[in-house]
């Protein structure tokens, strides 16, 4: 019974995350649908989401050049490519690596204009949700965002 209750709650959490992020992602997708390059960034549990979003969703599905940058490595070279014209998606972590994300985000806010911030703390309702389910909610809500971007681009798979 507790497993069923947990799955019902998980469904609600993912649904709420998707409702929160979808309008923002749709607006961002429409604004940056013609970009040739979009960087993603994250650390900790958010890095896997940044990586899969860059490799699978942007490059494979949307044919947009991308690279995932670990926030801890950002100031070891990648910050040199930051400008006002290059879009970044920053996936904020919620654990001990969050200061790395925050440091990179602070720099990006100063030097980049095309910036999307994905922070589970914006939509999560409890610390447990934030700690245990953040990667899952990010993945599910951003799958929806990828489909929104695809609809803006009107691209069909080459397969």
Protein backbone atom coordinates (compact mmCIF):
# COMPACT_ATOMS: atom_id res chain seq x y z
CA UNK A 1 0.00 0.00 0.00
CA UNK A 2 2.81 2.43 0.83
CA UNK A 3 4.40 1.76 -2.56
CA UNK A 4 1.14 2.64 -4.32
CA UNK A 5 0.85 5.84 -2.30
CA UNK A 6 4.45 6.73 -3.13
CA UNK A 7 3.86 6.17 -6.85
CA UNK A 8 0.74 8.35 -6.76
CA UNK A 9 2.74 11.09 -5.03
CA UNK A 10 5.57 10.70 -7.55
CA UNK A 11 3.10 11.14 -10.40
CA UNK A 12 1.83 14.34 -8.78
CA UNK A 13 5.36 15.66 -8.28
CA UNK A 14 6.35 15.03 -11.90
CA UNK A 15 3.06 16.52 -13.10
CA UNK A 16 3.60 19.65 -11.02
CA UNK A 17 7.17 19.99 -12.28
CA UNK A 18 6.01 19.67 -15.87
CA UNK A 19 3.25 22.26 -15.34
CA UNK A 20 5.80 24.64 -13.86
CA UNK A 21 8.52 24.22 -16.47
CA UNK A 22 6.48 23.72 -19.68
CA UNK A 23 5.41 27.35 -20.25
CA UNK A 24 8.92 28.60 -19.51
CA UNK A 25 10.48 25.97 -21.75
CA UNK A 26 8.02 26.74 -24.56
CA UNK A 27 8.86 30.45 -24.40
CA UNK A 28 12.60 29.67 -24.36
CA UNK A 29 12.24 27.18 -27.24
CA UNK A 30 10.45 29.74 -29.40
CA UNK A 31 13.07 32.39 -28.66
CA UNK A 32 16.10 30.19 -29.37
CA UNK A 33 14.81 27.66 -31.92
CA UNK A 34 17.14 29.01 -34.62
CA UNK A 35 20.32 28.79 -32.56
CA UNK A 36 23.16 26.72 -33.99
CA UNK A 37 24.70 25.98 -30.58
CA UNK A 38 23.28 25.65 -27.06
CA UNK A 39 25.45 24.77 -24.05
CA UNK A 40 24.13 22.95 -21.00
CA UNK A 41 25.71 23.07 -17.56
CA UNK A 42 25.31 21.36 -14.21
CA UNK A 43 27.04 19.45 -11.43
CA UNK A 44 26.22 16.67 -9.01
CA UNK A 45 22.99 14.91 -9.89
CA UNK A 46 22.15 17.73 -12.31
CA UNK A 47 25.18 16.99 -14.50
CA UNK A 48 23.67 13.76 -15.83
CA UNK A 49 20.59 15.71 -16.89
CA UNK A 50 22.72 18.42 -18.54
CA UNK A 51 24.71 15.73 -20.34
CA UNK A 52 21.71 13.75 -21.60
CA UNK A 53 19.89 16.93 -22.61
CA UNK A 54 22.89 18.07 -24.67
CA UNK A 55 23.70 14.73 -26.27
CA UNK A 56 20.29 13.12 -26.75
CA UNK A 57 17.74 15.90 -26.84
CA UNK A 58 19.60 18.75 -28.49
CA UNK A 59 22.11 16.99 -30.75
CA UNK A 60 20.32 13.76 -31.63
CA UNK A 61 16.68 14.88 -31.64
CA UNK A 62 16.97 18.55 -32.60
CA UNK A 63 20.22 18.61 -34.63
CA UNK A 64 21.51 21.53 -32.59
CA UNK A 65 25.19 21.51 -31.67
CA UNK A 66 25.66 21.26 -27.94
CA UNK A 67 28.06 20.33 -25.19
CA UNK A 68 27.51 19.64 -21.51
CA UNK A 69 29.84 21.58 -19.24
CA UNK A 70 30.41 20.55 -15.63
CA UNK A 71 30.01 23.64 -13.46
CA UNK A 72 33.19 22.75 -11.60
CA UNK A 73 35.14 22.83 -14.87
CA UNK A 74 33.52 25.99 -16.23
CA UNK A 75 36.30 28.29 -15.00
CA UNK A 76 38.99 25.97 -16.42
CA UNK A 77 38.44 27.18 -19.98
CA UNK A 78 34.78 27.07 -21.00
CA UNK A 79 34.02 30.47 -19.46
CA UNK A 80 36.20 31.97 -22.20
CA UNK A 81 33.50 31.17 -24.81
CA UNK A 82 30.76 32.92 -22.84
CA UNK A 83 29.21 35.85 -24.66
CA UNK A 84 25.85 37.58 -24.91
CA UNK A 85 24.85 35.63 -28.04
CA UNK A 86 25.42 32.01 -26.95
CA UNK A 87 22.55 30.28 -25.10
CA UNK A 88 23.12 28.34 -21.90
CA UNK A 89 20.79 26.05 -19.97
CA UNK A 90 21.92 25.73 -16.35
CA UNK A 91 20.61 22.79 -14.33
CA UNK A 92 21.07 23.74 -10.68
CA UNK A 93 22.01 20.93 -8.33
CA UNK A 94 20.63 20.76 -4.82
CA UNK A 95 23.45 19.04 -2.96
CA UNK A 96 26.97 19.92 -1.96
CA UNK A 97 27.91 20.93 -5.52
CA UNK A 98 25.30 23.69 -5.67
CA UNK A 99 27.93 26.37 -4.88
CA UNK A 100 29.74 25.36 -8.11
CA UNK A 101 26.53 25.91 -10.07
CA UNK A 102 25.84 29.18 -8.31
CA UNK A 103 29.34 30.52 -9.02
CA UNK A 104 29.00 29.69 -12.73
CA UNK A 105 25.46 31.09 -12.82
CA UNK A 106 26.57 34.35 -11.22
CA UNK A 107 29.17 34.76 -13.97
CA UNK A 108 26.67 33.86 -16.70
CA UNK A 109 24.14 36.37 -15.38
CA UNK A 110 26.78 39.04 -15.82
CA UNK A 111 28.05 38.07 -19.30
CA UNK A 112 25.36 35.97 -21.03
CA UNK A 113 21.90 37.13 -22.09
CA UNK A 114 20.44 33.89 -23.46
CA UNK A 115 20.09 31.98 -20.23
CA UNK A 116 17.62 29.41 -18.95
CA UNK A 117 17.87 28.31 -15.33
CA UNK A 118 16.36 25.00 -14.25
CA UNK A 119 16.22 24.83 -10.48
CA UNK A 120 14.17 22.11 -8.81
CA UNK A 121 13.87 24.35 -5.76
CA UNK A 122 11.58 26.55 -7.87
CA UNK A 123 8.86 23.91 -8.02
CA UNK A 124 9.58 21.26 -5.39
CA UNK A 125 7.37 21.42 -2.35
CA UNK A 126 9.42 19.59 0.28
CA UNK A 127 13.10 18.98 1.08
CA UNK A 128 12.50 15.25 0.49
CA UNK A 129 11.25 15.96 -3.02
CA UNK A 130 14.26 18.13 -3.69
CA UNK A 131 16.78 15.62 -2.39
CA UNK A 132 15.40 12.34 -3.68
CA UNK A 133 13.42 13.14 -6.79
CA UNK A 134 15.10 16.13 -8.39
CA UNK A 135 16.84 14.24 -11.21
CA UNK A 136 13.68 12.35 -12.06
CA UNK A 137 11.51 15.45 -12.11
CA UNK A 138 14.10 17.32 -14.18
CA UNK A 139 14.26 14.48 -16.71
CA UNK A 140 10.50 14.10 -17.05
CA UNK A 141 9.76 17.79 -17.29
CA UNK A 142 12.58 18.36 -19.76
CA UNK A 143 11.44 15.53 -21.99
CA UNK A 144 8.29 17.60 -22.37
CA UNK A 145 10.43 20.65 -23.11
CA UNK A 146 12.32 18.76 -25.80
CA UNK A 147 9.05 17.93 -27.54
CA UNK A 148 8.04 21.60 -27.34
CA UNK A 149 11.35 22.57 -28.96
CA UNK A 150 10.83 19.94 -31.62
CA UNK A 151 7.39 21.32 -32.43
CA UNK A 152 8.87 24.82 -32.77
CA UNK A 153 11.51 23.49 -35.16
CA UNK A 154 9.08 21.16 -36.97
CA UNK A 155 11.88 18.64 -37.50
CA UNK A 156 11.20 15.06 -38.30
CA UNK A 157 13.69 12.32 -37.54
CA UNK A 158 15.97 11.34 -40.44
CA UNK A 159 15.42 7.68 -39.59
